[in-house]
Every structure is written in C-alpha cells, then in structure tokens.
C-alpha atoms as a PDB file:
ATOM      1  CA  UNK A   1     -13.083   2.393  -2.038  1.00  0.00           C
ATOM      2  CA  UNK A   2     -15.310   0.240   0.139  1.00  0.00           C
ATOM      3  CA  UNK A   3     -18.109   2.787  -0.314  1.00  0.00           C
ATOM      4  CA  UNK A   4     -17.679   2.313  -4.025  1.00  0.00           C
ATOM      5  CA  UNK A   5     -18.893  -1.283  -3.834  1.00  0.00           C
ATOM      6  CA  UNK A   6     -22.085  -0.577  -1.897  1.00  0.00           C
ATOM      7  CA  UNK A   7     -23.337   2.434  -3.820  1.00  0.00           C
ATOM      8  CA  UNK A   8     -26.332   1.849  -6.084  1.00  0.00           C
ATOM      9  CA  UNK A   9     -25.971   5.138  -7.945  1.00  0.00           C
ATOM     10  CA  UNK A  10     -23.711   4.834 -11.017  1.00  0.00           C
ATOM     11  CA  UNK A  11     -22.523   8.442 -10.870  1.00  0.00           C
ATOM     12  CA  UNK A  12     -21.566   7.951  -7.238  1.00  0.00           C
ATOM     13  CA  UNK A  13     -19.735   4.725  -8.078  1.00  0.00           C
ATOM     14  CA  UNK A  14     -17.751   6.562 -10.755  1.00  0.00           C
ATOM     15  CA  UNK A  15     -16.960   9.343  -8.306  1.00  0.00           C
ATOM     16  CA  UNK A  16     -15.724   6.879  -5.656  1.00  0.00           C
ATOM     17  CA  UNK A  17     -13.703   5.020  -8.278  1.00  0.00           C
ATOM     18  CA  UNK A  18     -12.111   8.252  -9.510  1.00  0.00           C
ATOM     19  CA  UNK A  19     -11.223   9.329  -5.948  1.00  0.00           C
ATOM     20  CA  UNK A  20      -9.691   5.910  -5.252  1.00  0.00           C
ATOM     21  CA  UNK A  21      -7.696   5.991  -8.479  1.00  0.00           C
ATOM     22  CA  UNK A  22      -6.399   9.530  -7.970  1.00  0.00           C
ATOM     23  CA  UNK A  23      -5.498   8.797  -4.342  1.00  0.00           C
ATOM     24  CA  UNK A  24      -3.499   5.725  -5.329  1.00  0.00           C
ATOM     25  CA  UNK A  25      -1.912   7.592  -8.229  1.00  0.00           C
ATOM     26  CA  UNK A  26      -0.765  10.343  -5.836  1.00  0.00           C
ATOM     27  CA  UNK A  27       0.294   8.022  -3.011  1.00  0.00           C
ATOM     28  CA  UNK A  28       2.172   5.465  -5.101  1.00  0.00           C
ATOM     29  CA  UNK A  29       5.248   7.620  -5.863  1.00  0.00           C
ATOM     30  CA  UNK A  30       5.280   8.917  -2.282  1.00  0.00           C
ATOM     31  CA  UNK A  31       5.202   5.377  -0.913  1.00  0.00           C
ATOM     32  CA  UNK A  32       7.854   4.288  -3.417  1.00  0.00           C
ATOM     33  CA  UNK A  33      10.193   7.079  -2.348  1.00  0.00           C
ATOM     34  CA  UNK A  34       9.350   7.221   1.357  1.00  0.00           C
ATOM     35  CA  UNK A  35       8.828   3.611   2.328  1.00  0.00           C
ATOM     36  CA  UNK A  36      11.028   1.767  -0.132  1.00  0.00           C
ATOM     37  CA  UNK A  37      13.841   3.984  -1.370  1.00  0.00           C
ATOM     38  CA  UNK A  38      14.480   6.187   1.675  1.00  0.00           C
ATOM     39  CA  UNK A  39      13.696   3.271   3.998  1.00  0.00           C
ATOM     40  CA  UNK A  40      16.391   1.206   2.285  1.00  0.00           C
ATOM     41  CA  UNK A  41      18.873   4.077   2.535  1.00  0.00           C
ATOM     42  CA  UNK A  42      18.066   4.493   6.232  1.00  0.00           C
ATOM     43  CA  UNK A  43      18.382   0.724   6.842  1.00  0.00           C
ATOM     44  CA  UNK A  44      21.763   0.757   5.129  1.00  0.00           C
ATOM     45  CA  UNK A  45      23.068   3.508   7.384  1.00  0.00           C
ATOM     46  CA  UNK A  46      21.484   2.043  10.550  1.00  0.00           C
ATOM     47  CA  UNK A  47      22.214  -1.668  10.072  1.00  0.00           C
ATOM     48  CA  UNK A  48      24.742  -1.784   7.234  1.00  0.00           C
ATOM     49  CA  UNK A  49      22.463  -3.433   4.657  1.00  0.00           C
ATOM     50  CA  UNK A  50      19.548  -2.317   2.471  1.00  0.00           C
ATOM     51  CA  UNK A  51      17.343  -5.335   3.068  1.00  0.00           C
ATOM     52  CA  UNK A  52      17.102  -7.639   6.056  1.00  0.00           C
ATOM     53  CA  UNK A  53      13.707  -9.312   5.462  1.00  0.00           C
ATOM     54  CA  UNK A  54      12.220  -7.992   8.690  1.00  0.00           C
ATOM     55  CA  UNK A  55       8.402  -7.760   8.839  1.00  0.00           C
ATOM     56  CA  UNK A  56       8.240  -4.000   8.198  1.00  0.00           C
ATOM     57  CA  UNK A  57      10.308  -4.240   5.008  1.00  0.00           C
ATOM     58  CA  UNK A  58       8.438  -7.313   3.821  1.00  0.00           C
ATOM     59  CA  UNK A  59       5.006  -5.739   4.336  1.00  0.00           C
ATOM     60  CA  UNK A  60       6.152  -2.515   2.678  1.00  0.00           C
ATOM     61  CA  UNK A  61       7.153  -4.578  -0.370  1.00  0.00           C
ATOM     62  CA  UNK A  62       3.830  -6.475  -0.327  1.00  0.00           C
ATOM     63  CA  UNK A  63       1.937  -3.161  -0.165  1.00  0.00           C
ATOM     64  CA  UNK A  64       3.987  -1.671  -2.991  1.00  0.00           C
ATOM     65  CA  UNK A  65       3.483  -4.758  -5.181  1.00  0.00           C
ATOM     66  CA  UNK A  66      -0.278  -4.670  -4.517  1.00  0.00           C
ATOM     67  CA  UNK A  67      -0.570  -1.063  -5.662  1.00  0.00           C
ATOM     68  CA  UNK A  68       1.719  -1.789  -8.607  1.00  0.00           C
ATOM     69  CA  UNK A  69      -0.681  -4.566  -9.604  1.00  0.00           C
ATOM     70  CA  UNK A  70      -3.654  -2.183  -9.188  1.00  0.00           C
ATOM     71  CA  UNK A  71      -2.058   0.441 -11.444  1.00  0.00           C
ATOM     72  CA  UNK A  72      -1.123  -2.242 -13.969  1.00  0.00           C
ATOM     73  CA  UNK A  73      -4.739  -3.419 -14.088  1.00  0.00           C
ATOM     74  CA  UNK A  74      -5.942   0.169 -14.553  1.00  0.00           C
ATOM     75  CA  UNK A  75      -3.335   1.305 -17.132  1.00  0.00           C
ATOM     76  CA  UNK A  76      -2.725  -1.823 -19.172  1.00  0.00           C
ATOM     77  CA  UNK A  77      -5.898  -3.885 -18.878  1.00  0.00           C
ATOM     78  CA  UNK A  78      -8.270  -0.895 -18.517  1.00  0.00           C
ATOM     79  CA  UNK A  79     -10.265  -2.617 -15.741  1.00  0.00           C
ATOM     80  CA  UNK A  80     -12.170  -0.232 -13.494  1.00  0.00           C
ATOM     81  CA  UNK A  81     -14.286  -2.442 -11.296  1.00  0.00           C
ATOM     82  CA  UNK A  82     -14.327  -5.956  -9.952  1.00  0.00           C
ATOM     83  CA  UNK A  83     -10.706  -7.041  -9.561  1.00  0.00           C
ATOM     84  CA  UNK A  84      -9.370  -3.464  -9.421  1.00  0.00           C
ATOM     85  CA  UNK A  85     -11.801  -2.696  -6.610  1.00  0.00           C
ATOM     86  CA  UNK A  86     -10.743  -5.773  -4.635  1.00  0.00           C
ATOM     87  CA  UNK A  87      -7.052  -4.963  -5.131  1.00  0.00           C
ATOM     88  CA  UNK A  88      -7.543  -1.373  -3.922  1.00  0.00           C
ATOM     89  CA  UNK A  89      -9.242  -2.631  -0.747  1.00  0.00           C
ATOM     90  CA  UNK A  90      -6.461  -5.194  -0.201  1.00  0.00           C
ATOM     91  CA  UNK A  91      -3.870  -2.462  -0.732  1.00  0.00           C
ATOM     92  CA  UNK A  92      -5.495  -0.322   1.949  1.00  0.00           C
ATOM     93  CA  UNK A  93      -5.532  -3.250   4.386  1.00  0.00           C
ATOM     94  CA  UNK A  94      -1.872  -3.999   3.608  1.00  0.00           C
ATOM     95  CA  UNK A  95      -0.988  -0.327   4.131  1.00  0.00           C
ATOM     96  CA  UNK A  96      -2.585  -0.430   7.578  1.00  0.00           C
ATOM     97  CA  UNK A  97      -0.671  -3.617   8.400  1.00  0.00           C
ATOM     98  CA  UNK A  98       2.576  -2.018   7.207  1.00  0.00           C
ATOM     99  CA  UNK A  99       2.266   1.225   9.151  1.00  0.00           C
ATOM    100  CA  UNK A 100       0.173   0.259  12.192  1.00  0.00           C
ATOM    101  CA  UNK A 101       0.002  -3.520  12.540  1.00  0.00           C
ATOM    102  CA  UNK A 102       3.708  -4.299  12.394  1.00  0.00           C
ATOM    103  CA  UNK A 103       4.549  -1.425  14.714  1.00  0.00           C
ATOM    104  CA  UNK A 104       1.940  -2.658  17.208  1.00  0.00           C
ATOM    105  CA  UNK A 105       3.250  -6.236  17.089  1.00  0.00           C
ATOM    106  CA  UNK A 106       6.890  -5.104  17.304  1.00  0.00           C
ATOM    107  CA  UNK A 107       6.111  -2.882  20.293  1.00  0.00           C
ATOM    108  CA  UNK A 108       5.288  -5.925  22.399  1.00  0.00           C
ATOM    109  CA  UNK A 109       8.091  -8.104  21.036  1.00  0.00           C
ATOM    110  CA  UNK A 110      10.757  -5.351  21.402  1.00  0.00           C
ATOM    111  CA  UNK A 111      12.239  -5.886  17.959  1.00  0.00           C
ATOM    112  CA  UNK A 112      13.770  -3.502  15.410  1.00  0.00           C
ATOM    113  CA  UNK A 113      10.645  -1.390  14.849  1.00  0.00           C
ATOM    114  CA  UNK A 114       9.483  -0.970  18.434  1.00  0.00           C
ATOM    115  CA  UNK A 115      10.292   2.745  18.619  1.00  0.00           C
END
C-alpha cells in the first residue's frame, strides 16, 4: 500500500489499491479468528482467563480495530484514498508490532510471550 501513494500512474494506483483492499478483506477474518478468537480460547486454557491486558493481546486488539476502521471507511463511507491509505499503512505497521515487535521485546524481558 505504500507503493500506492508514490505511483504517478492512475491505473497503477487503482491496481495497488485493489490489491491492498483484497488483501485486507482476506486477512481480516483470518486475523479475527486466529489472533482474537482462538487466542482468547488458548489464553483461557493456559492462564484461566480470556483477557489479561498483556502487550500481545492489546496490540492484537489495536490491529483488529485499525483494520475494522479501514473496512468501515471503505464499505460505509466509500473512501478509497487519503485516509483509507493512511489507515492501511498504519494497520500494516501495527501488524508487524503485534507479531514481531512484541515477541522481540518479550524475548529480552522473559515475559509471557517469550517463547
């Protein structure tokens, strides 16, 4: 989606936008099931509660809310550039923080997610 912002060709911009949209549309239910629902079920069996406000759970929720906002902007408000583009980039950054950043930080602090 970052390529989308720098392209001067309108057909290329539309292509990048469509790829971004379809990728988010495919990944959103997978993230909802995998990171939120099954993660909560696993946390319940491992620690006895669905939510403990640890950094991994919090960032997963932030990522999910960001992509929810992106899809809301696309479906309801019919915005395809500008704010939707910024939200998609933020969502990607938040996804990297959720899956890589928190694990890296937790590795050195030896907390819950340092496996």
